[in-house]
Amino acid sequence: MTMHQTIEAKIRDALLPSHLEVLNESHMHNVPPGSESHFKLIIVSDQFEGLARVRRHQQVNGVLATELKGSIHALSLQTLTPSEWSERNGTVLASPACLGGSKFEHNA
């Protein structure tokens, strides 16, 4: 199972989202081709009702704790309730450009 598939399955099982996008943004960073290290998640779930953004992110981080300790280097989260998603008309924030940097560059 790929990291993408693992993330999708765990989020679907734990948060029962009405909308879920798992975007592998690794190609936007200084990593080898085919990497699965940088992800953006757009999650719309009733389970976020009444929770502050930080609590929503903690919930997602808890679901993906094993993956975050392993091969996931970066995780961008947009966690919304169905009403927030509706207010945004299904639009999401664009990911910023990578500012570069690699552990190899810093050690040179």
N, C-alpha and C. Protein backbone atom coordinates (compact mmCIF):
# COMPACT_ATOMS: atom_id res chain seq x y z
N MET A 1 0.85 -1.18 0.00
CA MET A 1 0.00 0.00 0.00
C MET A 1 0.90 1.24 0.00
N THR A 2 0.60 2.21 -0.85
CA THR A 2 1.39 3.43 -0.90
C THR A 2 1.05 4.31 0.30
N MET A 3 1.90 5.30 0.57
CA MET A 3 1.63 6.23 1.66
C MET A 3 0.32 6.98 1.39
N HIS A 4 0.10 7.36 0.16
CA HIS A 4 -1.14 8.03 -0.23
C HIS A 4 -2.36 7.19 0.16
N GLN A 5 -2.31 5.92 -0.18
CA GLN A 5 -3.42 5.01 0.13
C GLN A 5 -3.58 4.83 1.63
N THR A 6 -2.48 4.74 2.34
CA THR A 6 -2.52 4.58 3.79
C THR A 6 -3.17 5.79 4.45
N ILE A 7 -2.74 6.97 4.04
CA ILE A 7 -3.32 8.21 4.60
C ILE A 7 -4.82 8.25 4.33
N GLU A 8 -5.19 8.00 3.09
CA GLU A 8 -6.61 8.06 2.71
C GLU A 8 -7.44 7.07 3.54
N ALA A 9 -6.97 5.86 3.66
CA ALA A 9 -7.72 4.84 4.41
C ALA A 9 -7.86 5.21 5.88
N LYS A 10 -6.78 5.66 6.49
CA LYS A 10 -6.83 6.00 7.92
C LYS A 10 -7.75 7.19 8.18
N ILE A 11 -7.68 8.20 7.34
CA ILE A 11 -8.54 9.38 7.52
C ILE A 11 -10.00 9.01 7.30
N ARG A 12 -10.27 8.24 6.27
CA ARG A 12 -11.67 7.82 6.02
C ARG A 12 -12.23 7.03 7.19
N ASP A 13 -11.44 6.11 7.73
CA ASP A 13 -11.91 5.28 8.84
C ASP A 13 -12.13 6.08 10.12
N ALA A 14 -11.22 7.02 10.40
CA ALA A 14 -11.27 7.74 11.67
C ALA A 14 -12.20 8.95 11.67
N LEU A 15 -12.27 9.66 10.55
CA LEU A 15 -13.00 10.94 10.54
C LEU A 15 -14.26 10.94 9.70
N LEU A 16 -14.49 9.87 8.96
CA LEU A 16 -15.70 9.76 8.13
C LEU A 16 -15.99 11.04 7.34
N PRO A 17 -15.02 11.49 6.55
CA PRO A 17 -15.19 12.76 5.85
C PRO A 17 -16.25 12.70 4.75
N SER A 18 -16.93 13.83 4.56
CA SER A 18 -17.85 13.95 3.43
C SER A 18 -17.07 14.36 2.18
N HIS A 19 -15.88 14.89 2.38
CA HIS A 19 -14.99 15.24 1.28
C HIS A 19 -13.55 15.04 1.76
N LEU A 20 -12.74 14.40 0.94
CA LEU A 20 -11.35 14.16 1.29
C LEU A 20 -10.50 14.24 0.03
N GLU A 21 -9.45 15.05 0.11
CA GLU A 21 -8.45 15.09 -0.94
C GLU A 21 -7.09 14.84 -0.27
N VAL A 22 -6.36 13.89 -0.81
CA VAL A 22 -5.01 13.60 -0.36
C VAL A 22 -4.10 13.90 -1.54
N LEU A 23 -3.34 14.98 -1.42
CA LEU A 23 -2.50 15.44 -2.52
C LEU A 23 -1.03 15.23 -2.17
N ASN A 24 -0.35 14.48 -3.00
CA ASN A 24 1.09 14.28 -2.81
C ASN A 24 1.79 15.47 -3.46
N GLU A 25 2.36 16.34 -2.64
CA GLU A 25 3.04 17.52 -3.14
C GLU A 25 4.56 17.36 -3.09
N SER A 26 5.02 16.15 -2.98
CA SER A 26 6.46 15.90 -2.89
C SER A 26 7.21 16.43 -4.10
N HIS A 27 6.58 16.34 -5.27
CA HIS A 27 7.24 16.81 -6.50
C HIS A 27 7.56 18.31 -6.46
N MET A 28 6.94 19.05 -5.56
CA MET A 28 7.16 20.49 -5.43
C MET A 28 8.37 20.80 -4.54
N HIS A 29 9.03 19.77 -4.06
CA HIS A 29 10.11 19.94 -3.10
C HIS A 29 11.38 19.25 -3.59
N ASN A 30 12.45 19.48 -2.91
CA ASN A 30 13.75 18.96 -3.28
C ASN A 30 13.91 17.53 -2.75
N VAL A 31 13.18 16.62 -3.38
CA VAL A 31 13.21 15.20 -2.99
C VAL A 31 13.34 14.35 -4.26
N PRO A 32 13.75 13.11 -4.13
CA PRO A 32 13.88 12.25 -5.31
C PRO A 32 12.52 12.02 -5.99
N PRO A 33 12.53 11.84 -7.30
CA PRO A 33 11.29 11.55 -8.03
C PRO A 33 10.57 10.34 -7.42
N GLY A 34 9.26 10.41 -7.35
CA GLY A 34 8.47 9.31 -6.82
C GLY A 34 8.32 9.31 -5.31
N SER A 35 8.87 10.33 -4.65
CA SER A 35 8.80 10.39 -3.19
C SER A 35 7.36 10.59 -2.71
N GLU A 36 7.10 10.11 -1.52
CA GLU A 36 5.81 10.33 -0.84
C GLU A 36 6.13 10.87 0.56
N SER A 37 6.58 12.13 0.59
CA SER A 37 7.03 12.72 1.84
C SER A 37 6.31 14.01 2.21
N HIS A 38 5.69 14.67 1.25
CA HIS A 38 5.01 15.95 1.47
C HIS A 38 3.56 15.81 0.99
N PHE A 39 2.62 15.98 1.92
CA PHE A 39 1.20 15.82 1.56
C PHE A 39 0.37 17.01 2.00
N LYS A 40 -0.67 17.25 1.24
CA LYS A 40 -1.68 18.25 1.59
C LYS A 40 -3.00 17.49 1.70
N LEU A 41 -3.69 17.70 2.83
CA LEU A 41 -4.98 17.04 3.04
C LEU A 41 -6.07 18.10 3.15
N ILE A 42 -7.13 17.89 2.43
CA ILE A 42 -8.33 18.70 2.56
C ILE A 42 -9.40 17.75 3.09
N ILE A 43 -9.82 18.02 4.32
CA ILE A 43 -10.74 17.11 5.00
C ILE A 43 -11.97 17.90 5.44
N VAL A 44 -13.14 17.43 5.02
CA VAL A 44 -14.40 18.01 5.44
C VAL A 44 -15.13 16.94 6.25
N SER A 45 -15.38 17.26 7.52
CA SER A 45 -15.98 16.25 8.40
C SER A 45 -16.87 16.90 9.45
N ASP A 46 -17.97 16.25 9.74
CA ASP A 46 -18.84 16.68 10.84
C ASP A 46 -18.10 16.61 12.18
N GLN A 47 -17.08 15.76 12.25
CA GLN A 47 -16.35 15.59 13.51
C GLN A 47 -15.55 16.83 13.89
N PHE A 48 -15.43 17.79 13.00
CA PHE A 48 -14.71 19.03 13.30
C PHE A 48 -15.62 20.11 13.91
N GLU A 49 -16.92 19.85 13.94
CA GLU A 49 -17.87 20.83 14.49
C GLU A 49 -17.48 21.19 15.92
N GLY A 50 -17.41 22.48 16.20
CA GLY A 50 -17.13 22.96 17.55
C GLY A 50 -15.68 22.89 17.97
N LEU A 51 -14.80 22.43 17.08
CA LEU A 51 -13.38 22.32 17.43
C LEU A 51 -12.59 23.46 16.80
N ALA A 52 -11.65 24.01 17.57
CA ALA A 52 -10.73 25.01 17.04
C ALA A 52 -9.81 24.34 16.02
N ARG A 53 -9.23 25.14 15.15
CA ARG A 53 -8.37 24.59 14.11
C ARG A 53 -7.22 23.77 14.69
N VAL A 54 -6.62 24.24 15.77
CA VAL A 54 -5.50 23.50 16.36
C VAL A 54 -5.96 22.12 16.84
N ARG A 55 -7.13 22.03 17.40
CA ARG A 55 -7.66 20.74 17.88
C ARG A 55 -7.95 19.81 16.70
N ARG A 56 -8.45 20.36 15.61
CA ARG A 56 -8.71 19.56 14.40
C ARG A 56 -7.39 18.97 13.89
N HIS A 57 -6.36 19.82 13.85
CA HIS A 57 -5.06 19.36 13.37
C HIS A 57 -4.47 18.32 14.30
N GLN A 58 -4.65 18.49 15.59
CA GLN A 58 -4.17 17.49 16.55
C GLN A 58 -4.88 16.16 16.32
N GLN A 59 -6.15 16.22 16.01
CA GLN A 59 -6.92 15.01 15.75
C GLN A 59 -6.35 14.27 14.53
N VAL A 60 -6.09 15.01 13.46
CA VAL A 60 -5.53 14.40 12.24
C VAL A 60 -4.13 13.87 12.53
N ASN A 61 -3.31 14.65 13.22
CA ASN A 61 -1.96 14.21 13.55
C ASN A 61 -1.97 12.94 14.39
N GLY A 62 -2.96 12.81 15.26
CA GLY A 62 -3.10 11.59 16.05
C GLY A 62 -3.42 10.38 15.19
N VAL A 63 -4.28 10.57 14.21
CA VAL A 63 -4.64 9.48 13.29
C VAL A 63 -3.41 9.03 12.50
N LEU A 64 -2.57 9.98 12.13
CA LEU A 64 -1.40 9.68 11.29
C LEU A 64 -0.09 9.67 12.07
N ALA A 65 -0.16 9.44 13.37
CA ALA A 65 1.03 9.51 14.23
C ALA A 65 2.17 8.61 13.74
N THR A 66 1.86 7.40 13.38
CA THR A 66 2.90 6.47 12.92
C THR A 66 3.57 6.98 11.65
N GLU A 67 2.77 7.46 10.72
CA GLU A 67 3.29 7.95 9.45
C GLU A 67 4.12 9.22 9.64
N LEU A 68 3.70 10.07 10.58
CA LEU A 68 4.45 11.30 10.85
C LEU A 68 5.79 11.02 11.51
N LYS A 69 5.89 9.91 12.21
CA LYS A 69 7.16 9.51 12.82
C LYS A 69 8.08 8.84 11.79
N GLY A 70 7.49 8.47 10.67
CA GLY A 70 8.24 7.74 9.65
C GLY A 70 8.55 8.59 8.44
N SER A 71 7.91 8.26 7.34
CA SER A 71 8.32 8.83 6.06
C SER A 71 7.65 10.16 5.68
N ILE A 72 6.64 10.60 6.41
CA ILE A 72 6.03 11.89 6.07
C ILE A 72 6.89 13.00 6.67
N HIS A 73 7.38 13.86 5.81
CA HIS A 73 8.21 14.98 6.23
C HIS A 73 7.36 16.23 6.49
N ALA A 74 6.33 16.44 5.67
CA ALA A 74 5.50 17.64 5.80
C ALA A 74 4.05 17.29 5.52
N LEU A 75 3.16 17.89 6.31
CA LEU A 75 1.73 17.65 6.17
C LEU A 75 1.01 18.99 6.29
N SER A 76 0.38 19.39 5.20
CA SER A 76 -0.41 20.62 5.18
C SER A 76 -1.87 20.22 5.33
N LEU A 77 -2.57 20.87 6.26
CA LEU A 77 -3.95 20.49 6.55
C LEU A 77 -4.92 21.63 6.35
N GLN A 78 -6.02 21.32 5.69
CA GLN A 78 -7.17 22.20 5.64
C GLN A 78 -8.34 21.36 6.15
N THR A 79 -8.75 21.67 7.36
CA THR A 79 -9.77 20.89 8.06
C THR A 79 -11.01 21.74 8.23
N LEU A 80 -12.09 21.30 7.62
CA LEU A 80 -13.31 22.10 7.55
C LEU A 80 -14.54 21.31 7.95
N THR A 81 -15.52 22.03 8.48
CA THR A 81 -16.83 21.43 8.69
C THR A 81 -17.59 21.54 7.36
N PRO A 82 -18.67 20.78 7.21
CA PRO A 82 -19.45 20.89 5.96
C PRO A 82 -19.95 22.32 5.69
N SER A 83 -20.34 23.04 6.74
CA SER A 83 -20.83 24.41 6.51
C SER A 83 -19.68 25.34 6.09
N GLU A 84 -18.49 25.15 6.66
CA GLU A 84 -17.33 25.96 6.25
C GLU A 84 -16.96 25.66 4.79
N TRP A 85 -17.02 24.39 4.42
CA TRP A 85 -16.73 23.97 3.04
C TRP A 85 -17.73 24.61 2.09
N SER A 86 -18.98 24.62 2.48
CA SER A 86 -20.03 25.23 1.66
C SER A 86 -19.81 26.74 1.51
N GLU A 87 -19.44 27.40 2.61
CA GLU A 87 -19.18 28.85 2.57
C GLU A 87 -18.03 29.19 1.63
N ARG A 88 -17.07 28.30 1.52
CA ARG A 88 -15.91 28.50 0.64
C ARG A 88 -16.21 28.09 -0.80
N ASN A 89 -17.40 27.55 -1.03
CA ASN A 89 -17.77 27.04 -2.35
C ASN A 89 -16.79 25.99 -2.85
N GLY A 90 -16.26 25.22 -1.93
CA GLY A 90 -15.36 24.13 -2.31
C GLY A 90 -13.98 24.58 -2.75
N THR A 91 -13.62 25.81 -2.44
CA THR A 91 -12.28 26.27 -2.82
C THR A 91 -11.31 26.06 -1.67
N VAL A 92 -10.06 25.83 -2.01
CA VAL A 92 -9.02 25.60 -1.00
C VAL A 92 -7.88 26.57 -1.22
N LEU A 93 -7.11 26.75 -0.19
CA LEU A 93 -5.93 27.61 -0.27
C LEU A 93 -4.84 26.92 -1.08
N ALA A 94 -4.17 27.69 -1.91
CA ALA A 94 -3.07 27.14 -2.70
C ALA A 94 -1.87 26.89 -1.80
N SER A 95 -1.10 25.91 -2.15
CA SER A 95 0.12 25.62 -1.40
C SER A 95 1.20 26.61 -1.80
N PRO A 96 1.98 27.07 -0.83
CA PRO A 96 3.07 28.00 -1.17
C PRO A 96 4.18 27.28 -1.91
N ALA A 97 4.95 28.05 -2.64
CA ALA A 97 6.10 27.48 -3.32
C ALA A 97 7.13 27.04 -2.29
N CYS A 98 7.83 25.99 -2.61
CA CYS A 98 8.90 25.51 -1.73
C CYS A 98 10.00 26.56 -1.69
N LEU A 99 10.47 26.86 -0.51
CA LEU A 99 11.54 27.84 -0.36
C LEU A 99 12.91 27.20 -0.54
N GLY A 100 12.89 25.98 -0.99
CA GLY A 100 14.14 25.28 -1.24
C GLY A 100 14.71 24.71 0.03
N GLY A 101 15.94 24.42 -0.05
CA GLY A 101 16.58 23.87 1.13
C GLY A 101 16.54 22.37 1.11
N SER A 102 17.61 21.83 1.47
CA SER A 102 17.76 20.39 1.56
C SER A 102 18.79 20.14 2.63
N LYS A 103 18.65 19.05 3.32
CA LYS A 103 19.64 18.75 4.35
C LYS A 103 21.03 18.65 3.73
N PHE A 104 21.09 18.32 2.43
CA PHE A 104 22.36 18.20 1.76
C PHE A 104 22.98 19.57 1.53
N GLU A 105 22.15 20.58 1.20
CA GLU A 105 22.64 21.92 0.95
C GLU A 105 23.20 22.54 2.23
N HIS A 106 22.59 22.28 3.36
CA HIS A 106 23.00 22.89 4.62
C HIS A 106 24.31 22.29 5.15
N ASN A 107 24.64 21.11 4.71
CA ASN A 107 25.85 20.47 5.17
C ASN A 107 27.04 20.70 4.25
N ALA A 108 26.77 21.37 3.14
CA ALA A 108 27.84 21.57 2.13
C ALA A 108 28.86 22.59 2.59
